[in-house]
Amino acid sequence: MRTAMASTSRDGGANAQRSHIRIALCQMLVSDDKQVSLDTASRMVAEAAAQQAELVVLPECFNCPYDTQCFPQYAEVLPPAPSEAPAAPATEDSSTVARLRQLARQHQVHLVGGSVPERDPHTGRLYNTSLSFAPDGELIAKHRKMHLFDVDVPDGIRFRESDALSAGSALTTFELQPQGRSQDAPSLRVGIGICYDMRFSEMATVLTRPPHNARLLIYPGAFNMTTGPAHWELILRARALDNQVWVAACSPARDLHASYTAYGHSLVVSPWGEVVARADEKPAVIVADADMSLLTRVRYMIPLSRQRRDDLYQVRAVDEEEASVVDPVDSSGNAAATLDTKS
C-alpha cells in the first residue's frame, strides 16, 4: 500500500489554515471475507488519520464483492437516517456499523463509510447505502444509491443492480464541522452520491445549489474496465466544472480475480476542473488539501450562478406533493430527474 499527498495551497498564514480541509481516499482491495475487508479498511483509515486527514472516504461496497449474487448474503440492517424517526426500537449495530463508528471515534475523523449492502428490516428490500459518521462516532448521514447501475455495453460490461437492489429516493448532505482546525473556521456542506449517481448532472446541480449548498461532492464508486478508462475522470471533472465545487471519488483497488474488476484511480478534483490527487489501480491512501477559498475565486472569475438563465430553465428537486402525483422511479428502478423549461 502506498500513500500519496497533494496540496492546493497557494497562500500562507492563518487564512490558509482556515480555508483548507484535508481529504483522504482509501482505495482498498475488497475481500470475499467481510472481516478481512473491515480489517483492511481499519488499517487504511488509521494511515489516513496519521496523515492528519479530517475527512476519510472508503470505496463503494468496501465490505462486499460487487456482485448482485453477493448483496443478499452480505446485507446488514443499518440504522435509520438521522432525519428519520426510528420506526422501531434501536437495535445493536451490525458488524460494519460498529466498526465504522469505532474508527471515526478512535481517529477523530469524519468518515464516509463507502457503501455497503443494506437490508431494510421492514420491507426486506436491499439497497446500496453509504453511512457517514462524525468524529464522535455519531451517524450524521445515510444515502441510498438513487440511480441503479443497469447497463449493457456490447463486448464490454453487462450489469443490472436492479436484479437485487432497490433505488433510494432522497438527496443527502451533511455538515462537516471544524475538527482539529481553527475553531472559528466555517462548517462545510458535503453532498453524497454513490457511483452511477455521478452520471446524473441534475443530481449534482441540486446538491450544490440552495437549499443544499454542498461545496464538496463525495462519490464512493466502482467503475469497471469498460466505463472506467472512458468515463471515470471525465465525469468527475465535469461535475466539478459544472458546479464549481470540489469533487472526490473513492474506488476499490483493482482485483483481476474478482467477478467484477474495479477500475481504481480514485481522485480529487478542484473547482477549476484540475485533478489534484489521484491513485493508480493499486491499493493506496491518497491525501489532498482542498482549498475551499479556491471555490470562491473560481466562482468570481467565471460567475455561472449569476449568468444562469433561470427565467428559461431550472433544475430542481421534486417535492413530496409532486412525488405523490408523478412516480419518480422509471421502469429500471432509477429515480427520475426534473428539468423545467419556460417559453
Protein backbone atom coordinates (compact mmCIF):
# COMPACT_ATOMS: atom_id res chain seq x y z
CA MET A 1 0.00 0.00 0.00
CA ARG A 2 1.28 3.46 -0.81
CA THR A 3 0.38 6.93 0.41
CA ALA A 4 0.27 9.92 -1.91
CA MET A 5 -0.34 13.51 -0.93
CA ALA A 6 -1.20 16.65 -2.87
CA SER A 7 -1.81 20.23 -1.80
CA THR A 8 -3.66 23.07 -3.48
CA SER A 9 -2.26 25.65 -1.09
CA ARG A 10 -1.25 28.89 -2.74
CA ASP A 11 -1.47 31.11 0.32
CA GLY A 12 0.31 31.21 3.65
CA GLY A 13 -0.64 32.18 7.16
CA ALA A 14 -3.77 31.75 9.23
CA ASN A 15 -6.20 32.33 6.38
CA ALA A 16 -4.79 29.33 4.52
CA GLN A 17 -5.21 27.13 7.58
CA ARG A 18 -8.84 28.14 8.00
CA SER A 19 -9.78 27.59 4.35
CA HIS A 20 -8.34 24.11 3.84
CA ILE A 21 -9.63 20.65 4.55
CA ARG A 22 -7.51 17.53 4.26
CA ILE A 23 -9.30 14.69 2.44
CA ALA A 24 -8.10 11.08 2.34
CA LEU A 25 -9.37 8.42 -0.06
CA CYS A 26 -8.76 4.79 0.92
CA GLN A 27 -8.50 2.74 -2.27
CA MET A 28 -8.57 -0.76 -0.81
CA LEU A 29 -8.77 -4.32 -2.05
CA VAL A 30 -12.13 -5.84 -1.17
CA SER A 31 -12.11 -9.45 0.05
CA ASP A 32 -14.88 -12.03 -0.10
CA ASP A 33 -14.31 -12.31 3.66
CA LYS A 34 -16.13 -9.39 5.31
CA GLN A 35 -13.89 -9.44 8.37
CA VAL A 36 -10.78 -9.17 6.20
CA SER A 37 -12.28 -6.18 4.38
CA LEU A 38 -13.17 -4.47 7.66
CA ASP A 39 -9.63 -5.00 8.91
CA THR A 40 -8.19 -3.61 5.68
CA ALA A 41 -10.42 -0.55 5.98
CA SER A 42 -9.30 -0.09 9.58
CA ARG A 43 -5.63 -0.06 8.60
CA MET A 44 -6.22 2.43 5.82
CA VAL A 45 -8.30 4.78 7.97
CA ALA A 46 -5.51 4.69 10.56
CA GLU A 47 -2.99 5.58 7.85
CA ALA A 48 -5.20 8.45 6.68
CA ALA A 49 -5.53 9.75 10.23
CA ALA A 50 -1.76 9.56 10.67
CA GLN A 51 -1.58 11.96 7.70
CA GLN A 52 -3.87 14.38 9.62
CA ALA A 53 -6.85 13.82 7.34
CA GLU A 54 -10.07 15.39 8.59
CA LEU A 55 -12.38 13.63 6.12
CA VAL A 56 -11.73 9.99 5.21
CA VAL A 57 -13.59 8.15 2.45
CA LEU A 58 -13.92 4.40 1.78
CA PRO A 59 -14.96 2.89 -1.58
CA GLU A 60 -18.28 1.59 -2.83
CA CYS A 61 -19.12 -1.88 -1.48
CA PHE A 62 -15.99 -1.91 0.66
CA ASN A 63 -17.18 -4.86 2.77
CA CYS A 64 -18.66 -6.98 -0.03
CA PRO A 65 -17.72 -8.15 -3.53
CA TYR A 66 -19.55 -6.01 -6.08
CA ASP A 67 -21.81 -8.78 -7.35
CA THR A 68 -25.61 -8.99 -7.30
CA GLN A 69 -25.37 -12.58 -6.07
CA CYS A 70 -23.36 -11.40 -3.05
CA PHE A 71 -25.56 -8.48 -2.00
CA PRO A 72 -28.23 -10.57 -0.20
CA GLN A 73 -25.60 -12.61 1.64
CA TYR A 74 -23.59 -9.61 2.85
CA ALA A 75 -26.50 -7.24 3.53
CA GLU A 76 -26.88 -5.79 7.02
CA VAL A 77 -29.66 -3.93 8.80
CA LEU A 78 -28.45 -0.34 9.13
CA PRO A 79 -29.64 2.43 11.44
CA PRO A 80 -32.18 4.94 10.09
CA ALA A 81 -31.06 8.25 8.65
CA PRO A 82 -30.61 10.96 11.29
CA SER A 83 -33.58 12.84 9.84
CA GLU A 84 -35.89 9.86 10.25
CA ALA A 85 -37.75 8.95 13.40
CA PRO A 86 -36.82 5.34 14.18
CA ALA A 87 -39.65 3.07 13.11
CA ALA A 88 -38.61 0.51 15.72
CA PRO A 89 -36.59 0.45 18.94
CA ALA A 90 -32.86 0.85 18.43
CA THR A 91 -31.03 -2.39 17.79
CA GLU A 92 -27.41 -3.34 18.24
CA ASP A 93 -25.11 -2.09 15.49
CA SER A 94 -24.17 -4.55 12.77
CA SER A 95 -20.51 -5.50 12.49
CA THR A 96 -19.84 -2.93 9.78
CA VAL A 97 -21.66 -0.08 11.52
CA ALA A 98 -19.90 -0.83 14.80
CA ARG A 99 -16.51 -0.79 13.06
CA LEU A 100 -17.20 2.49 11.25
CA ARG A 101 -18.36 4.20 14.43
CA GLN A 102 -15.29 2.96 16.26
CA LEU A 103 -12.92 4.15 13.52
CA ALA A 104 -14.43 7.64 13.37
CA ARG A 105 -14.29 7.97 17.16
CA GLN A 106 -10.84 6.44 17.59
CA HIS A 107 -9.19 8.59 14.93
CA GLN A 108 -11.35 11.71 15.42
CA VAL A 109 -12.24 11.99 11.74
CA HIS A 110 -15.33 12.49 9.67
CA LEU A 111 -15.74 9.14 7.95
CA VAL A 112 -17.73 8.47 4.78
CA GLY A 113 -18.07 4.71 5.01
CA GLY A 114 -18.05 4.00 1.29
CA SER A 115 -21.15 1.94 0.73
CA VAL A 116 -22.47 -1.41 1.91
CA PRO A 117 -25.43 -3.64 1.04
CA GLU A 118 -28.35 -2.76 3.31
CA ARG A 119 -31.42 -4.86 4.12
CA ASP A 120 -34.50 -2.88 5.14
CA PRO A 121 -35.94 -4.82 8.11
CA HIS A 122 -39.50 -3.70 7.34
CA THR A 123 -39.70 -4.34 3.59
CA GLY A 124 -36.88 -6.80 3.02
CA ARG A 125 -35.61 -4.65 0.17
CA LEU A 126 -31.88 -4.31 -0.44
CA TYR A 127 -30.10 -1.00 -1.02
CA ASN A 128 -26.59 0.18 -1.83
CA THR A 129 -26.09 2.52 1.12
CA SER A 130 -23.46 4.96 2.36
CA LEU A 131 -23.17 5.92 6.04
CA SER A 132 -21.23 8.96 7.25
CA PHE A 133 -20.01 9.45 10.81
CA ALA A 134 -18.81 12.43 12.85
CA PRO A 135 -15.60 12.28 14.93
CA ASP A 136 -17.64 11.32 17.99
CA GLY A 137 -18.98 8.25 16.17
CA GLU A 138 -22.44 9.72 15.64
CA LEU A 139 -24.21 8.84 12.39
CA ILE A 140 -24.69 12.12 10.52
CA ALA A 141 -25.82 10.97 7.05
CA LYS A 142 -27.30 7.98 5.27
CA HIS A 143 -27.53 7.84 1.48
CA ARG A 144 -29.19 5.11 -0.54
CA LYS A 145 -27.93 4.98 -4.13
CA MET A 146 -30.55 6.76 -6.21
CA HIS A 147 -29.61 5.57 -9.70
CA LEU A 148 -29.13 1.85 -10.19
CA PHE A 149 -26.37 0.59 -12.47
CA ASP A 150 -28.28 -1.18 -15.23
CA VAL A 151 -26.15 -1.17 -18.39
CA ASP A 152 -25.41 -3.36 -21.39
CA VAL A 153 -22.29 -2.38 -23.34
CA PRO A 154 -21.59 -4.90 -26.15
CA ASP A 155 -18.18 -6.52 -25.79
CA GLY A 156 -17.78 -4.59 -22.55
CA ILE A 157 -19.93 -4.83 -19.45
CA ARG A 158 -23.44 -6.06 -18.70
CA PHE A 159 -24.70 -5.48 -15.17
CA ARG A 160 -28.11 -4.99 -13.55
CA GLU A 161 -28.11 -3.74 -9.99
CA SER A 162 -31.90 -3.75 -10.11
CA ASP A 163 -31.80 -7.56 -10.17
CA ALA A 164 -31.02 -7.32 -6.45
CA LEU A 165 -31.26 -3.72 -5.28
CA SER A 166 -33.89 -1.02 -4.93
CA ALA A 167 -33.26 2.66 -5.64
CA GLY A 168 -33.04 5.27 -2.91
CA SER A 169 -35.24 8.35 -3.08
CA ALA A 170 -33.55 11.08 -1.02
CA LEU A 171 -30.76 13.58 -1.59
CA THR A 172 -28.10 13.51 1.11
CA THR A 173 -25.84 16.17 2.60
CA PHE A 174 -24.13 16.71 5.93
CA GLU A 175 -22.22 19.46 7.72
CA LEU A 176 -18.53 18.87 8.27
CA GLN A 177 -17.73 20.82 11.43
CA PRO A 178 -14.24 22.18 12.21
CA GLN A 179 -12.22 19.44 13.85
CA GLY A 180 -8.55 19.90 14.52
CA ARG A 181 -8.73 23.11 12.51
CA SER A 182 -9.17 26.65 13.80
CA GLN A 183 -12.44 26.58 15.71
CA ASP A 184 -13.62 29.77 14.02
CA ALA A 185 -13.48 28.04 10.65
CA PRO A 186 -16.88 27.75 8.97
CA SER A 187 -18.57 24.39 8.60
CA LEU A 188 -18.58 22.74 5.19
CA ARG A 189 -21.62 21.25 3.50
CA VAL A 190 -20.85 17.89 1.83
CA GLY A 191 -23.07 16.14 -0.72
CA ILE A 192 -23.05 12.35 -1.14
CA GLY A 193 -23.67 10.19 -4.20
CA ILE A 194 -22.74 6.60 -4.99
CA CYS A 195 -21.03 5.61 -8.25
CA TYR A 196 -23.68 5.70 -11.01
CA ASP A 197 -25.25 8.72 -9.27
CA MET A 198 -22.32 10.77 -10.59
CA ARG A 199 -23.52 10.38 -14.19
CA PHE A 200 -26.62 12.44 -13.46
CA SER A 201 -25.61 16.09 -13.60
CA GLU A 202 -29.04 17.17 -12.39
CA MET A 203 -28.46 15.49 -9.04
CA ALA A 204 -25.13 17.26 -8.55
CA THR A 205 -26.69 20.58 -9.55
CA VAL A 206 -29.46 20.23 -6.99
CA LEU A 207 -26.98 19.24 -4.27
CA THR A 208 -24.76 22.26 -4.92
CA ARG A 209 -27.47 24.93 -5.17
CA PRO A 210 -29.82 26.27 -2.45
CA PRO A 211 -31.07 24.97 -0.14
CA HIS A 212 -28.40 22.22 -0.01
CA ASN A 213 -25.37 24.32 -0.99
CA ALA A 214 -22.81 21.50 -0.99
CA ARG A 215 -19.27 22.71 -1.62
CA LEU A 216 -17.78 19.23 -1.81
CA LEU A 217 -19.29 16.20 -3.56
CA ILE A 218 -18.18 12.74 -2.43
CA TYR A 219 -18.72 9.69 -4.62
CA PRO A 220 -17.72 6.23 -3.42
CA GLY A 221 -17.71 4.39 -6.75
CA ALA A 222 -16.64 1.25 -8.56
CA PHE A 223 -16.39 1.84 -12.29
CA ASN A 224 -15.20 -1.14 -14.33
CA MET A 225 -12.61 -1.77 -17.01
CA THR A 226 -15.02 -0.68 -19.76
CA THR A 227 -16.53 2.51 -18.34
CA GLY A 228 -13.60 3.44 -16.11
CA PRO A 229 -10.97 4.32 -18.74
CA ALA A 230 -13.62 6.02 -20.89
CA HIS A 231 -15.66 8.00 -18.39
CA TRP A 232 -14.43 7.99 -14.74
CA GLU A 233 -12.17 11.05 -14.79
CA LEU A 234 -14.22 12.78 -17.47
CA ILE A 235 -17.43 12.64 -15.43
CA LEU A 236 -15.83 13.72 -12.17
CA ARG A 237 -14.07 16.68 -13.74
CA ALA A 238 -17.34 17.62 -15.44
CA ARG A 239 -19.24 17.58 -12.14
CA ALA A 240 -16.57 19.81 -10.59
CA LEU A 241 -16.68 22.23 -13.53
CA ASP A 242 -20.48 22.22 -13.89
CA ASN A 243 -20.98 23.26 -10.30
CA GLN A 244 -17.63 24.88 -9.42
CA VAL A 245 -17.15 22.65 -6.38
CA TRP A 246 -14.62 20.16 -5.07
CA VAL A 247 -15.25 16.53 -6.05
CA ALA A 248 -13.69 13.40 -4.55
CA ALA A 249 -14.31 9.82 -5.70
CA CYS A 250 -13.02 6.68 -3.98
CA SER A 251 -12.83 3.36 -5.84
CA PRO A 252 -11.84 -0.12 -4.72
CA ALA A 253 -8.39 -1.19 -5.87
CA ARG A 254 -8.28 -3.37 -8.96
CA ASP A 255 -8.59 -7.12 -8.41
CA LEU A 256 -8.24 -9.08 -11.63
CA HIS A 257 -9.50 -12.22 -9.89
CA ALA A 258 -12.82 -10.68 -8.80
CA SER A 259 -16.07 -11.34 -10.66
CA TYR A 260 -16.29 -7.56 -11.21
CA THR A 261 -12.99 -5.79 -11.84
CA ALA A 262 -12.91 -2.23 -10.49
CA TYR A 263 -11.00 0.42 -12.40
CA GLY A 264 -9.41 2.11 -9.38
CA HIS A 265 -7.91 5.57 -9.99
CA SER A 266 -9.52 7.33 -7.01
CA LEU A 267 -9.13 11.07 -7.41
CA VAL A 268 -9.80 14.56 -6.08
CA VAL A 269 -10.81 17.36 -8.46
CA SER A 270 -10.75 21.12 -7.80
CA PRO A 271 -13.50 23.61 -8.77
CA TRP A 272 -11.24 24.57 -11.70
CA GLY A 273 -11.55 21.00 -13.01
CA GLU A 274 -7.96 20.12 -12.15
CA VAL A 275 -7.15 16.66 -10.80
CA VAL A 276 -5.07 17.49 -7.71
CA ALA A 277 -4.60 13.93 -6.41
CA ARG A 278 -5.02 10.53 -7.99
CA ALA A 279 -4.25 6.88 -7.39
CA ASP A 280 -3.41 4.26 -9.96
CA GLU A 281 -5.09 0.84 -9.87
CA LYS A 282 -3.27 -0.49 -6.79
CA PRO A 283 -4.18 -0.16 -3.08
CA ALA A 284 -3.33 3.33 -1.85
CA VAL A 285 -4.28 6.09 0.53
CA ILE A 286 -4.28 9.41 -1.33
CA VAL A 287 -4.45 12.66 0.59
CA ALA A 288 -5.28 16.13 -0.73
CA ASP A 289 -5.50 19.53 0.92
CA ALA A 290 -8.60 21.10 -0.63
CA ASP A 291 -8.54 24.89 -0.55
CA MET A 292 -12.14 25.99 -0.11
CA SER A 293 -11.24 29.60 -0.92
CA LEU A 294 -10.46 28.40 -4.45
CA LEU A 295 -14.16 27.74 -4.90
CA THR A 296 -14.92 31.39 -4.19
CA ARG A 297 -12.19 32.59 -6.55
CA VAL A 298 -13.34 30.34 -9.39
CA ARG A 299 -16.93 31.49 -8.99
CA TYR A 300 -15.77 35.11 -9.07
CA MET A 301 -13.73 34.62 -12.24
CA ILE A 302 -16.45 32.63 -14.05
CA PRO A 303 -19.75 33.69 -12.42
CA LEU A 304 -22.03 30.91 -13.64
CA SER A 305 -24.55 31.37 -10.83
CA ARG A 306 -25.21 34.97 -11.91
CA GLN A 307 -25.30 34.11 -15.60
CA ARG A 308 -27.56 31.06 -15.44
CA ARG A 309 -30.89 31.67 -17.21
CA ASP A 310 -33.34 30.65 -14.50
CA ASP A 311 -36.00 32.53 -16.45
CA LEU A 312 -35.67 29.92 -19.20
CA TYR A 313 -34.72 26.67 -17.45
CA GLN A 314 -34.38 25.29 -13.95
CA VAL A 315 -33.09 22.08 -12.44
CA ARG A 316 -34.74 21.36 -9.12
CA ALA A 317 -35.65 18.61 -6.70
CA VAL A 318 -39.16 17.18 -6.83
CA ASP A 319 -41.09 17.97 -3.66
CA GLU A 320 -43.24 15.47 -1.78
CA GLU A 321 -46.50 16.73 -3.26
CA GLU A 322 -45.22 16.32 -6.82
CA ALA A 323 -43.73 12.94 -6.00
CA SER A 324 -47.15 11.72 -4.87
CA VAL A 325 -48.59 12.62 -8.28
CA VAL A 326 -45.70 11.64 -10.56
CA ASP A 327 -43.94 8.33 -10.00
CA PRO A 328 -40.28 9.35 -9.52
CA VAL A 329 -38.99 5.91 -10.48
CA ASP A 330 -38.82 4.66 -14.03
CA SER A 331 -39.10 1.08 -15.22
CA SER A 332 -35.45 0.34 -14.41
CA GLY A 333 -35.83 1.44 -10.80
CA ASN A 334 -33.93 4.69 -11.27
CA ALA A 335 -35.01 7.97 -9.72
CA ALA A 336 -36.28 10.47 -12.28
CA ALA A 337 -34.84 13.96 -12.70
CA THR A 338 -36.84 17.12 -13.24
CA LEU A 339 -35.89 19.83 -15.73
CA ASP A 340 -38.26 22.75 -16.13
CA THR A 341 -38.16 24.81 -19.33
CA LYS A 342 -40.04 28.02 -19.90
CA SER A 343 -41.19 29.50 -23.18
